[in-house]
Every structure is written in structure tokens, then in C-alpha cells.
Amino acid sequence: MNAVLYIHGKGGNADEAKHYEPLFPDSRVFGLDYKTFTPWETGKEIRSALENLKNEYENVILIANSIGAFFSMHADIDGLISKAYFISPVVDMEKLICDMMTWSGVTEAELKEYGTVHTDFGEDLSWNYLCYLRENPLKWDVNTKILYGSKDNLVPFETVKYFAKKHNAALTVMENGEHWFHTEEQMRFLDNWILNN
């Protein structure tokens, strides 16, 4: 029997993993409620969960949503999973942070000086976080399928397209899909995407 590990996005939870159980009838599906929110800490949580599953199951498949995909790619898990399904993945966090700095009118010098800057849209910008990303460039060598919504307002299409090409990932775009796949139509598209891949 195989295992599937689901890593949720911001504001999500491990219970979302139940949605995927009917799509993987020959596998045990697990969700991880990570307790930390930095790539260096959350990556360790994800790696630990996968090491435990790998001890019990021959093959482990990863499903990761949004920032969950980003955390997973910083978990050093290439050798622990056989395949990854990324839904609306954040694939270039440095670019996203720089975009958020632009949106909030914060310069790099100001972020360095203050360390942490609170934004009007509810995200904290962190100099340590940005430095970590620059000092730990992404390494990812896993058979990966990506689902992206054409109306994703967080991750630009060019960014996800570049990532897919660089990492030989199969990219599927849902017309009128959003960053958060949640409507009945979007979830049906998502389910069919997994079943067809």
C-alpha cells in the first residue's frame, strides 16, 4: 500500500486531506498540521512526517497547496517521495516578498533596518526570511504535476511557467481558476486533473 501526504496552504488544515481519499483508493491519505511558518522550521516538520511514512509505506505521494508546496520544496525530501502534485504552488517566494514590498512601499534598506515590517494587507515582511531564501536557493528534483488557475492573483503565470520548465514539471492551467481552488467547478477540475495524472 502507498501513502499520500497532504500539506495545506495558509489558513488551511490537515482535515482537507480527507477530500483526496476517494482519489487514492489504494493508498492511506494523511494530512499534516504544521505548527511553524518558516521554510527552515516547517521544512523539518514535513521531512520528519515523510520519514515516518517512508518507514511504513513503499511509495509516498505528496499533495501540496500554495505555500505548502513552497515549504515542501525546502524540506530536502526529494528522495522520500515518488511524485508530487502542486496546487497553486508558491514557487518563487523571493519574488513574492519583493512584490509585497513594492505593494506596501517598503524598500530593501528599510526592511533590513527594521527587521520585520507589518503590511496593510496582513502579511509580515521579514529580513531574515528574505536572507534565508537568498542563501538557500531552491533544489527540487521530483516528478511533479502542477495545477494553476488562470486568475491566480498571487503567483504570476510567467513565474509558474518558468518553474515548470526548469524542473520538468507538467503544468495544467484551468481557465478562470483562482489561487484558491474551492468552487464546485474548480474542485471537479482538480479531481479530474489528479485522476488523469
N, C-alpha and C. Protein backbone atom coordinates (compact mmCIF):
# COMPACT_ATOMS: atom_id res chain seq x y z
N MET A 1 0.85 -1.20 0.00
CA MET A 1 0.00 0.00 0.00
C MET A 1 0.88 1.25 0.00
N ASN A 2 0.41 2.27 -0.71
CA ASN A 2 1.12 3.55 -0.76
C ASN A 2 0.52 4.52 0.24
N ALA A 3 1.23 5.62 0.46
CA ALA A 3 0.73 6.68 1.33
C ALA A 3 0.71 7.99 0.55
N VAL A 4 -0.21 8.87 0.92
CA VAL A 4 -0.30 10.21 0.36
C VAL A 4 -0.23 11.18 1.53
N LEU A 5 0.65 12.17 1.43
CA LEU A 5 0.73 13.20 2.46
C LEU A 5 0.28 14.53 1.86
N TYR A 6 -0.69 15.16 2.51
CA TYR A 6 -1.23 16.44 2.06
C TYR A 6 -0.70 17.56 2.95
N ILE A 7 -0.15 18.59 2.30
CA ILE A 7 0.36 19.78 3.01
C ILE A 7 -0.51 20.96 2.62
N HIS A 8 -1.22 21.52 3.58
CA HIS A 8 -2.18 22.59 3.28
C HIS A 8 -1.51 23.93 3.05
N GLY A 9 -2.28 24.87 2.53
CA GLY A 9 -1.81 26.24 2.34
C GLY A 9 -2.17 27.10 3.54
N LYS A 10 -1.93 28.40 3.40
CA LYS A 10 -2.19 29.33 4.50
C LYS A 10 -3.68 29.32 4.85
N GLY A 11 -3.96 29.19 6.14
CA GLY A 11 -5.34 29.18 6.59
C GLY A 11 -6.03 27.83 6.46
N GLY A 12 -5.33 26.85 5.89
CA GLY A 12 -5.90 25.52 5.73
C GLY A 12 -5.61 24.64 6.93
N ASN A 13 -5.95 23.35 6.80
CA ASN A 13 -5.67 22.41 7.89
C ASN A 13 -5.58 20.99 7.35
N ALA A 14 -5.12 20.10 8.19
CA ALA A 14 -4.89 18.71 7.79
C ALA A 14 -6.17 18.00 7.39
N ASP A 15 -7.31 18.44 7.90
CA ASP A 15 -8.58 17.78 7.58
C ASP A 15 -8.92 17.85 6.09
N GLU A 16 -8.34 18.82 5.39
CA GLU A 16 -8.57 18.93 3.95
C GLU A 16 -8.10 17.68 3.21
N ALA A 17 -7.22 16.91 3.84
CA ALA A 17 -6.69 15.69 3.23
C ALA A 17 -7.80 14.69 2.93
N LYS A 18 -8.88 14.74 3.71
CA LYS A 18 -9.99 13.78 3.51
C LYS A 18 -10.57 13.87 2.10
N HIS A 19 -10.51 15.07 1.52
CA HIS A 19 -11.04 15.25 0.17
C HIS A 19 -10.36 14.31 -0.83
N TYR A 20 -9.10 13.97 -0.57
CA TYR A 20 -8.30 13.22 -1.54
C TYR A 20 -8.42 11.71 -1.36
N GLU A 21 -9.05 11.27 -0.27
CA GLU A 21 -9.15 9.82 -0.02
C GLU A 21 -9.81 9.05 -1.16
N PRO A 22 -10.96 9.53 -1.72
CA PRO A 22 -11.57 8.78 -2.82
C PRO A 22 -10.72 8.76 -4.09
N LEU A 23 -9.81 9.72 -4.23
CA LEU A 23 -8.97 9.80 -5.43
C LEU A 23 -7.80 8.84 -5.38
N PHE A 24 -7.50 8.33 -4.18
CA PHE A 24 -6.39 7.39 -3.98
C PHE A 24 -6.89 6.19 -3.20
N PRO A 25 -7.78 5.38 -3.80
CA PRO A 25 -8.42 4.28 -3.06
C PRO A 25 -7.44 3.20 -2.59
N ASP A 26 -6.27 3.12 -3.23
CA ASP A 26 -5.29 2.10 -2.85
C ASP A 26 -4.20 2.65 -1.93
N SER A 27 -4.44 3.82 -1.38
CA SER A 27 -3.43 4.46 -0.53
C SER A 27 -4.06 4.94 0.77
N ARG A 28 -3.23 5.11 1.78
CA ARG A 28 -3.65 5.78 3.01
C ARG A 28 -3.32 7.26 2.85
N VAL A 29 -4.28 8.11 3.13
CA VAL A 29 -4.09 9.55 2.95
C VAL A 29 -3.96 10.22 4.32
N PHE A 30 -2.91 11.02 4.45
CA PHE A 30 -2.63 11.72 5.70
C PHE A 30 -2.54 13.23 5.44
N GLY A 31 -2.89 14.01 6.43
CA GLY A 31 -2.69 15.45 6.36
C GLY A 31 -1.75 15.88 7.48
N LEU A 32 -0.96 16.90 7.22
CA LEU A 32 -0.03 17.40 8.24
C LEU A 32 -0.46 18.79 8.68
N ASP A 33 -0.70 18.95 9.97
CA ASP A 33 -0.96 20.27 10.54
C ASP A 33 0.36 20.80 11.08
N TYR A 34 1.09 21.49 10.22
CA TYR A 34 2.38 22.01 10.68
C TYR A 34 2.17 23.16 11.68
N LYS A 35 3.12 23.29 12.58
CA LYS A 35 3.00 24.24 13.70
C LYS A 35 3.87 25.48 13.52
N THR A 36 4.74 25.47 12.52
CA THR A 36 5.66 26.58 12.30
C THR A 36 5.37 27.20 10.93
N PHE A 37 5.99 28.35 10.66
CA PHE A 37 5.64 29.05 9.41
C PHE A 37 6.85 29.67 8.73
N THR A 38 8.00 29.01 8.87
CA THR A 38 9.19 29.42 8.13
C THR A 38 9.70 28.20 7.37
N PRO A 39 10.37 28.41 6.23
CA PRO A 39 10.84 27.24 5.46
C PRO A 39 11.83 26.39 6.23
N TRP A 40 12.65 26.99 7.10
CA TRP A 40 13.64 26.20 7.83
C TRP A 40 13.00 25.39 8.94
N GLU A 41 11.90 25.85 9.53
CA GLU A 41 11.24 25.08 10.58
C GLU A 41 10.18 24.14 10.00
N THR A 42 9.32 24.67 9.13
CA THR A 42 8.25 23.85 8.56
C THR A 42 8.83 22.75 7.69
N GLY A 43 9.93 23.06 7.01
CA GLY A 43 10.61 22.03 6.21
C GLY A 43 11.00 20.83 7.04
N LYS A 44 11.48 21.08 8.26
CA LYS A 44 11.85 19.98 9.16
C LYS A 44 10.62 19.17 9.56
N GLU A 45 9.50 19.84 9.81
CA GLU A 45 8.26 19.12 10.17
C GLU A 45 7.82 18.20 9.03
N ILE A 46 7.87 18.73 7.81
CA ILE A 46 7.44 17.95 6.65
C ILE A 46 8.38 16.76 6.43
N ARG A 47 9.68 17.02 6.53
CA ARG A 47 10.65 15.92 6.34
C ARG A 47 10.44 14.83 7.39
N SER A 48 10.23 15.23 8.63
CA SER A 48 10.02 14.25 9.70
C SER A 48 8.78 13.39 9.43
N ALA A 49 7.68 14.03 9.00
CA ALA A 49 6.45 13.30 8.70
C ALA A 49 6.68 12.31 7.56
N LEU A 50 7.42 12.75 6.54
CA LEU A 50 7.68 11.87 5.40
C LEU A 50 8.62 10.72 5.75
N GLU A 51 9.59 10.98 6.59
CA GLU A 51 10.50 9.90 7.03
C GLU A 51 9.71 8.83 7.77
N ASN A 52 8.77 9.25 8.61
CA ASN A 52 7.93 8.29 9.34
C ASN A 52 7.08 7.47 8.38
N LEU A 53 6.50 8.14 7.37
CA LEU A 53 5.67 7.40 6.40
C LEU A 53 6.52 6.46 5.56
N LYS A 54 7.70 6.90 5.20
CA LYS A 54 8.58 6.08 4.35
C LYS A 54 9.00 4.80 5.06
N ASN A 55 9.02 4.83 6.38
CA ASN A 55 9.35 3.62 7.15
C ASN A 55 8.25 2.56 7.05
N GLU A 56 7.03 3.01 6.76
CA GLU A 56 5.88 2.09 6.72
C GLU A 56 5.37 1.79 5.32
N TYR A 57 5.58 2.73 4.39
CA TYR A 57 4.99 2.59 3.05
C TYR A 57 6.07 2.63 1.98
N GLU A 58 5.86 1.81 0.96
CA GLU A 58 6.86 1.71 -0.10
C GLU A 58 6.97 3.01 -0.89
N ASN A 59 5.82 3.54 -1.30
CA ASN A 59 5.79 4.78 -2.07
C ASN A 59 4.99 5.84 -1.32
N VAL A 60 5.49 7.05 -1.32
CA VAL A 60 4.77 8.17 -0.71
C VAL A 60 4.59 9.25 -1.77
N ILE A 61 3.35 9.70 -1.92
CA ILE A 61 3.00 10.76 -2.86
C ILE A 61 2.70 12.02 -2.06
N LEU A 62 3.14 13.15 -2.56
CA LEU A 62 2.91 14.42 -1.90
C LEU A 62 1.86 15.23 -2.65
N ILE A 63 0.90 15.79 -1.92
CA ILE A 63 -0.01 16.80 -2.48
C ILE A 63 0.20 18.05 -1.63
N ALA A 64 0.53 19.15 -2.28
CA ALA A 64 0.81 20.37 -1.52
C ALA A 64 0.13 21.56 -2.18
N ASN A 65 -0.43 22.40 -1.34
CA ASN A 65 -1.24 23.53 -1.79
C ASN A 65 -0.53 24.84 -1.45
N SER A 66 -0.39 25.73 -2.44
CA SER A 66 0.09 27.09 -2.23
C SER A 66 1.41 27.15 -1.47
N ILE A 67 1.41 27.78 -0.30
CA ILE A 67 2.66 27.89 0.47
C ILE A 67 3.10 26.54 1.01
N GLY A 68 2.17 25.58 1.09
CA GLY A 68 2.54 24.22 1.47
C GLY A 68 3.53 23.62 0.48
N ALA A 69 3.38 23.96 -0.81
CA ALA A 69 4.34 23.49 -1.82
C ALA A 69 5.70 24.14 -1.60
N PHE A 70 5.69 25.43 -1.30
CA PHE A 70 6.94 26.14 -1.04
C PHE A 70 7.67 25.51 0.15
N PHE A 71 6.96 25.29 1.26
CA PHE A 71 7.58 24.67 2.43
C PHE A 71 8.13 23.28 2.08
N SER A 72 7.37 22.53 1.29
CA SER A 72 7.79 21.17 0.92
C SER A 72 9.09 21.19 0.11
N MET A 73 9.23 22.18 -0.75
CA MET A 73 10.44 22.25 -1.58
C MET A 73 11.66 22.67 -0.77
N HIS A 74 11.46 23.14 0.45
CA HIS A 74 12.57 23.49 1.33
C HIS A 74 12.73 22.45 2.44
N ALA A 75 12.22 21.25 2.21
CA ALA A 75 12.26 20.21 3.25
C ALA A 75 13.28 19.11 2.95
N ASP A 76 13.99 19.23 1.83
CA ASP A 76 15.00 18.22 1.47
C ASP A 76 14.38 16.81 1.44
N ILE A 77 13.33 16.67 0.63
CA ILE A 77 12.57 15.41 0.62
C ILE A 77 12.60 14.70 -0.74
N ASP A 78 13.45 15.16 -1.64
CA ASP A 78 13.46 14.59 -3.00
C ASP A 78 13.51 13.05 -3.00
N GLY A 79 14.32 12.49 -2.12
CA GLY A 79 14.47 11.03 -2.11
C GLY A 79 13.38 10.29 -1.34
N LEU A 80 12.46 11.03 -0.74
CA LEU A 80 11.44 10.40 0.10
C LEU A 80 10.09 10.24 -0.60
N ILE A 81 9.87 10.95 -1.70
CA ILE A 81 8.57 10.88 -2.38
C ILE A 81 8.74 10.44 -3.83
N SER A 82 7.72 9.76 -4.33
CA SER A 82 7.78 9.27 -5.71
C SER A 82 7.16 10.25 -6.70
N LYS A 83 6.28 11.12 -6.20
CA LYS A 83 5.59 12.06 -7.08
C LYS A 83 5.03 13.19 -6.24
N ALA A 84 4.87 14.36 -6.87
CA ALA A 84 4.28 15.50 -6.17
C ALA A 84 3.19 16.13 -7.03
N TYR A 85 2.07 16.45 -6.40
CA TYR A 85 1.01 17.24 -7.02
C TYR A 85 0.99 18.60 -6.33
N PHE A 86 1.25 19.66 -7.08
CA PHE A 86 1.24 21.01 -6.54
C PHE A 86 0.02 21.76 -7.05
N ILE A 87 -0.76 22.30 -6.13
CA ILE A 87 -1.95 23.08 -6.47
C ILE A 87 -1.66 24.55 -6.15
N SER A 88 -1.69 25.40 -7.17
CA SER A 88 -1.40 26.83 -7.00
C SER A 88 -0.13 27.06 -6.18
N PRO A 89 0.97 26.43 -6.57
CA PRO A 89 2.16 26.50 -5.72
C PRO A 89 2.84 27.86 -5.72
N VAL A 90 3.33 28.25 -4.55
CA VAL A 90 4.21 29.41 -4.45
C VAL A 90 5.61 28.87 -4.79
N VAL A 91 6.09 29.18 -5.99
CA VAL A 91 7.35 28.59 -6.47
C VAL A 91 8.52 29.57 -6.42
N ASP A 92 8.24 30.86 -6.18
CA ASP A 92 9.31 31.84 -6.08
C ASP A 92 8.96 32.83 -4.97
N MET A 93 9.26 32.41 -3.73
CA MET A 93 8.89 33.23 -2.57
C MET A 93 9.67 34.54 -2.54
N GLU A 94 10.92 34.53 -3.01
CA GLU A 94 11.69 35.78 -3.02
C GLU A 94 10.98 36.83 -3.88
N LYS A 95 10.51 36.41 -5.05
CA LYS A 95 9.79 37.34 -5.92
C LYS A 95 8.50 37.82 -5.25
N LEU A 96 7.80 36.91 -4.59
CA LEU A 96 6.55 37.28 -3.92
C LEU A 96 6.81 38.29 -2.81
N ILE A 97 7.87 38.07 -2.03
CA ILE A 97 8.20 39.02 -0.96
C ILE A 97 8.57 40.38 -1.55
N CYS A 98 9.36 40.37 -2.62
CA CYS A 98 9.73 41.64 -3.26
C CYS A 98 8.50 42.34 -3.83
N ASP A 99 7.56 41.56 -4.38
CA ASP A 99 6.30 42.15 -4.87
C ASP A 99 5.53 42.78 -3.71
N MET A 100 5.47 42.07 -2.58
CA MET A 100 4.74 42.60 -1.41
C MET A 100 5.42 43.85 -0.86
N MET A 101 6.74 43.90 -0.95
CA MET A 101 7.46 45.10 -0.54
C MET A 101 7.05 46.28 -1.43
N THR A 102 6.96 46.02 -2.72
CA THR A 102 6.53 47.07 -3.67
C THR A 102 5.11 47.52 -3.36
N TRP A 103 4.20 46.55 -3.14
CA TRP A 103 2.79 46.88 -2.85
C TRP A 103 2.68 47.75 -1.60
N SER A 104 3.54 47.50 -0.62
CA SER A 104 3.43 48.22 0.65
C SER A 104 4.40 49.40 0.75
N GLY A 105 5.17 49.66 -0.33
CA GLY A 105 6.06 50.81 -0.35
C GLY A 105 7.25 50.68 0.60
N VAL A 106 7.73 49.45 0.81
CA VAL A 106 8.86 49.20 1.70
C VAL A 106 10.10 48.92 0.85
N THR A 107 11.19 49.62 1.13
CA THR A 107 12.44 49.36 0.40
C THR A 107 13.22 48.25 1.11
N GLU A 108 14.18 47.69 0.38
CA GLU A 108 15.01 46.64 0.97
C GLU A 108 15.83 47.20 2.14
N ALA A 109 16.29 48.44 2.00
CA ALA A 109 17.06 49.07 3.08
C ALA A 109 16.21 49.23 4.34
N GLU A 110 14.94 49.58 4.16
CA GLU A 110 14.03 49.73 5.31
C GLU A 110 13.76 48.39 5.97
N LEU A 111 13.57 47.36 5.15
CA LEU A 111 13.31 46.03 5.71
C LEU A 111 14.53 45.55 6.50
N LYS A 112 15.71 45.80 5.96
CA LYS A 112 16.94 45.41 6.66
C LYS A 112 17.06 46.16 7.99
N GLU A 113 16.73 47.45 7.98
CA GLU A 113 16.84 48.28 9.18
C GLU A 113 15.86 47.85 10.26
N TYR A 114 14.59 47.60 9.87
CA TYR A 114 13.55 47.29 10.85
C TYR A 114 13.46 45.80 11.20
N GLY A 115 13.96 44.95 10.31
CA GLY A 115 13.91 43.50 10.56
C GLY A 115 12.59 42.90 10.16
N THR A 116 11.49 43.44 10.69
CA THR A 116 10.13 42.98 10.35
C THR A 116 9.27 44.21 10.09
N VAL A 117 8.48 44.15 9.02
CA VAL A 117 7.57 45.25 8.68
C VAL A 117 6.17 44.68 8.54
N HIS A 118 5.21 45.24 9.25
CA HIS A 118 3.81 44.83 9.13
C HIS A 118 3.17 45.57 7.95
N THR A 119 2.41 44.87 7.13
CA THR A 119 1.79 45.49 5.96
C THR A 119 0.30 45.70 6.19
N ASP A 120 -0.29 46.57 5.36
CA ASP A 120 -1.73 46.84 5.45
C ASP A 120 -2.56 45.64 5.05
N PHE A 121 -1.97 44.73 4.25
CA PHE A 121 -2.75 43.56 3.80
C PHE A 121 -2.51 42.33 4.66
N GLY A 122 -1.95 42.54 5.86
CA GLY A 122 -1.92 41.46 6.86
C GLY A 122 -0.72 40.54 6.83
N GLU A 123 0.23 40.78 5.94
CA GLU A 123 1.43 39.94 5.89
C GLU A 123 2.60 40.66 6.55
N ASP A 124 3.38 39.93 7.33
CA ASP A 124 4.61 40.50 7.89
C ASP A 124 5.76 40.21 6.93
N LEU A 125 6.53 41.23 6.63
CA LEU A 125 7.72 41.07 5.80
C LEU A 125 8.92 40.94 6.73
N SER A 126 9.78 39.96 6.48
CA SER A 126 10.90 39.68 7.37
C SER A 126 12.22 39.69 6.61
N TRP A 127 13.18 40.45 7.13
CA TRP A 127 14.51 40.49 6.52
C TRP A 127 15.20 39.13 6.64
N ASN A 128 15.06 38.48 7.80
CA ASN A 128 15.68 37.15 8.00
C ASN A 128 15.14 36.13 7.01
N TYR A 129 13.85 36.20 6.77
CA TYR A 129 13.19 35.29 5.82
C TYR A 129 13.76 35.50 4.42
N LEU A 130 13.85 36.76 4.01
CA LEU A 130 14.37 37.09 2.68
C LEU A 130 15.82 36.63 2.54
N CYS A 131 16.62 36.86 3.57
CA CYS A 131 18.02 36.43 3.54
C CYS A 131 18.13 34.91 3.44
N TYR A 132 17.27 34.20 4.18
CA TYR A 132 17.29 32.73 4.12
C TYR A 132 17.06 32.25 2.69
N LEU A 133 16.09 32.84 2.01
CA LEU A 133 15.77 32.43 0.65
C LEU A 133 16.96 32.65 -0.29
N ARG A 134 17.64 33.76 -0.11
CA ARG A 134 18.78 34.07 -0.98
C ARG A 134 19.98 33.17 -0.68
N GLU A 135 20.09 32.75 0.57
CA GLU A 135 21.22 31.90 0.96
C GLU A 135 20.94 30.42 0.74
N ASN A 136 19.68 30.06 0.50
CA ASN A 136 19.29 28.65 0.31
C ASN A 136 18.47 28.51 -0.96
N PRO A 137 19.14 28.61 -2.11
CA PRO A 137 18.39 28.51 -3.37
C PRO A 137 17.68 27.15 -3.49
N LEU A 138 16.57 27.18 -4.16
CA LEU A 138 15.71 26.01 -4.28
C LEU A 138 16.37 24.89 -5.06
N LYS A 139 16.28 23.67 -4.51
CA LYS A 139 16.71 22.46 -5.23
C LYS A 139 15.51 21.52 -5.22
N TRP A 140 15.07 21.08 -6.39
CA TRP A 140 13.88 20.23 -6.45
C TRP A 140 14.00 19.30 -7.64
N ASP A 141 14.02 18.00 -7.38
CA ASP A 141 14.17 17.01 -8.45
C ASP A 141 13.19 15.87 -8.20
N VAL A 142 11.91 16.18 -8.39
CA VAL A 142 10.83 15.21 -8.14
C VAL A 142 9.88 15.25 -9.32
N ASN A 143 9.33 14.11 -9.69
CA ASN A 143 8.29 14.05 -10.71
C ASN A 143 7.09 14.86 -10.21
N THR A 144 6.86 16.03 -10.82
CA THR A 144 5.89 16.98 -10.29
C THR A 144 4.84 17.38 -11.31
N LYS A 145 3.60 17.40 -10.87
CA LYS A 145 2.47 17.89 -11.67
C LYS A 145 1.95 19.16 -11.00
N ILE A 146 1.70 20.18 -11.80
CA ILE A 146 1.25 21.47 -11.25
C ILE A 146 -0.12 21.83 -11.81
N LEU A 147 -1.01 22.24 -10.92
CA LEU A 147 -2.31 22.78 -11.32
C LEU A 147 -2.32 24.27 -10.97
N TYR A 148 -2.67 25.09 -11.98
CA TYR A 148 -2.61 26.55 -11.82
C TYR A 148 -3.90 27.15 -12.37
N GLY A 149 -4.43 28.13 -11.68
CA GLY A 149 -5.62 28.83 -12.15
C GLY A 149 -5.25 30.08 -12.93
N SER A 150 -5.88 30.30 -14.07
CA SER A 150 -5.51 31.44 -14.91
C SER A 150 -5.80 32.78 -14.23
N LYS A 151 -6.65 32.77 -13.20
CA LYS A 151 -6.95 34.01 -12.47
C LYS A 151 -6.27 34.03 -11.10
N ASP A 152 -5.14 33.32 -10.99
CA ASP A 152 -4.36 33.34 -9.75
C ASP A 152 -3.81 34.75 -9.56
N ASN A 153 -4.20 35.40 -8.45
CA ASN A 153 -3.78 36.78 -8.22
C ASN A 153 -2.55 36.88 -7.31
N LEU A 154 -1.95 35.74 -6.98
CA LEU A 154 -0.80 35.73 -6.09
C LEU A 154 0.49 35.34 -6.82
N VAL A 155 0.40 34.32 -7.66
CA VAL A 155 1.57 33.82 -8.38
C VAL A 155 1.39 34.10 -9.88
N PRO A 156 2.25 34.95 -10.46
CA PRO A 156 2.13 35.24 -11.89
C PRO A 156 2.34 33.98 -12.75
N PHE A 157 1.64 33.91 -13.87
CA PHE A 157 1.75 32.75 -14.74
C PHE A 157 3.19 32.55 -15.22
N GLU A 158 3.88 33.62 -15.58
CA GLU A 158 5.26 33.50 -16.07
C GLU A 158 6.16 32.85 -15.03
N THR A 159 5.90 33.13 -13.75
CA THR A 159 6.71 32.56 -12.68
C THR A 159 6.52 31.05 -12.59
N VAL A 160 5.26 30.61 -12.63
CA VAL A 160 4.99 29.17 -12.52
C VAL A 160 5.40 28.45 -13.81
N LYS A 161 5.26 29.12 -14.93
CA LYS A 161 5.68 28.54 -16.22
C LYS A 161 7.20 28.33 -16.24
N TYR A 162 7.94 29.32 -15.75
CA TYR A 162 9.40 29.22 -15.70
C TYR A 162 9.82 28.07 -14.78
N PHE A 163 9.18 27.98 -13.61
CA PHE A 163 9.49 26.89 -12.68
C PHE A 163 9.23 25.53 -13.32
N ALA A 164 8.07 25.40 -13.97
CA ALA A 164 7.70 24.12 -14.59
C ALA A 164 8.72 23.70 -15.63
N LYS A 165 9.15 24.65 -16.44
CA LYS A 165 10.14 24.35 -17.48
C LYS A 165 11.48 23.95 -16.86
N LYS A 166 11.91 24.71 -15.87
CA LYS A 166 13.21 24.46 -15.24
C LYS A 166 13.26 23.11 -14.53
N HIS A 167 12.12 22.69 -13.96
CA HIS A 167 12.09 21.46 -13.17
C HIS A 167 11.36 20.32 -13.87
N ASN A 168 11.14 20.47 -15.19
CA ASN A 168 10.47 19.42 -15.98
C ASN A 168 9.14 18.98 -15.36
N ALA A 169 8.39 19.94 -14.85
CA ALA A 169 7.09 19.64 -14.24
C ALA A 169 5.98 19.82 -15.28
N ALA A 170 4.98 18.97 -15.21
CA ALA A 170 3.83 19.08 -16.12
C ALA A 170 2.89 20.14 -15.57
N LEU A 171 2.57 21.14 -16.38
CA LEU A 171 1.75 22.27 -15.95
C LEU A 171 0.38 22.22 -16.61
N THR A 172 -0.67 22.23 -15.79
CA THR A 172 -2.05 22.28 -16.27
C THR A 172 -2.66 23.59 -15.80
N VAL A 173 -3.29 24.33 -16.72
CA VAL A 173 -3.91 25.61 -16.37
C VAL A 173 -5.42 25.48 -16.50
N MET A 174 -6.13 25.83 -15.44
CA MET A 174 -7.59 25.89 -15.50
C MET A 174 -8.01 27.32 -15.83
N GLU A 175 -8.68 27.47 -16.97
CA GLU A 175 -9.20 28.79 -17.34
C GLU A 175 -10.19 29.25 -16.27
N ASN A 176 -10.03 30.48 -15.81
CA ASN A 176 -10.88 31.08 -14.77
C ASN A 176 -10.68 30.45 -13.40
N GLY A 177 -9.70 29.57 -13.25
CA GLY A 177 -9.38 29.04 -11.93
C GLY A 177 -8.71 30.14 -11.11
N GLU A 178 -8.84 30.06 -9.79
CA GLU A 178 -8.25 31.06 -8.90
C GLU A 178 -7.10 30.43 -8.11
N HIS A 179 -6.41 31.26 -7.32
CA HIS A 179 -5.33 30.72 -6.48
C HIS A 179 -5.91 29.69 -5.51
N TRP A 180 -7.06 30.01 -4.95
CA TRP A 180 -7.73 29.08 -4.03
C TRP A 180 -8.78 28.30 -4.82
N PHE A 181 -8.52 27.02 -5.04
CA PHE A 181 -9.50 26.16 -5.71
C PHE A 181 -10.54 25.77 -4.66
N HIS A 182 -11.76 26.26 -4.83
CA HIS A 182 -12.77 25.99 -3.79
C HIS A 182 -14.19 25.85 -4.33
N THR A 183 -14.50 26.38 -5.53
CA THR A 183 -15.86 26.25 -6.04
C THR A 183 -16.09 24.81 -6.51
N GLU A 184 -17.34 24.47 -6.68
CA GLU A 184 -17.66 23.11 -7.14
C GLU A 184 -16.99 22.80 -8.47
N GLU A 185 -17.03 23.76 -9.39
CA GLU A 185 -16.41 23.57 -10.71
C GLU A 185 -14.90 23.41 -10.59
N GLN A 186 -14.28 24.24 -9.75
CA GLN A 186 -12.83 24.17 -9.58
C GLN A 186 -12.41 22.85 -8.94
N MET A 187 -13.17 22.39 -7.95
CA MET A 187 -12.82 21.14 -7.28
C MET A 187 -13.01 19.94 -8.20
N ARG A 188 -14.02 20.01 -9.05
CA ARG A 188 -14.23 18.94 -10.03
C ARG A 188 -13.05 18.89 -11.01
N PHE A 189 -12.60 20.06 -11.43
CA PHE A 189 -11.44 20.15 -12.34
C PHE A 189 -10.20 19.57 -11.65
N LEU A 190 -10.01 19.95 -10.39
CA LEU A 190 -8.87 19.45 -9.61
C LEU A 190 -8.90 17.93 -9.49
N ASP A 191 -10.06 17.39 -9.17
CA ASP A 191 -10.20 15.95 -9.01
C ASP A 191 -9.88 15.22 -10.31
N ASN A 192 -10.41 15.73 -11.42
CA ASN A 192 -10.15 15.11 -12.72
C ASN A 192 -8.67 15.22 -13.10
N TRP A 193 -8.06 16.33 -12.73
CA TRP A 193 -6.62 16.52 -13.00
C TRP A 193 -5.80 15.45 -12.29
N ILE A 194 -6.13 15.19 -11.02
CA ILE A 194 -5.39 14.15 -10.29
C ILE A 194 -5.65 12.78 -10.89
N LEU A 195 -6.90 12.49 -11.18
CA LEU A 195 -7.25 11.17 -11.72
C LEU A 195 -6.60 10.92 -13.08
N ASN A 196 -6.41 11.97 -13.86
CA ASN A 196 -5.82 11.84 -15.19
C ASN A 196 -4.30 11.83 -15.15
N ASN A 197 -3.75 12.12 -13.98
CA ASN A 197 -2.28 12.15 -13.87
C ASN A 197 -1.76 11.06 -12.95
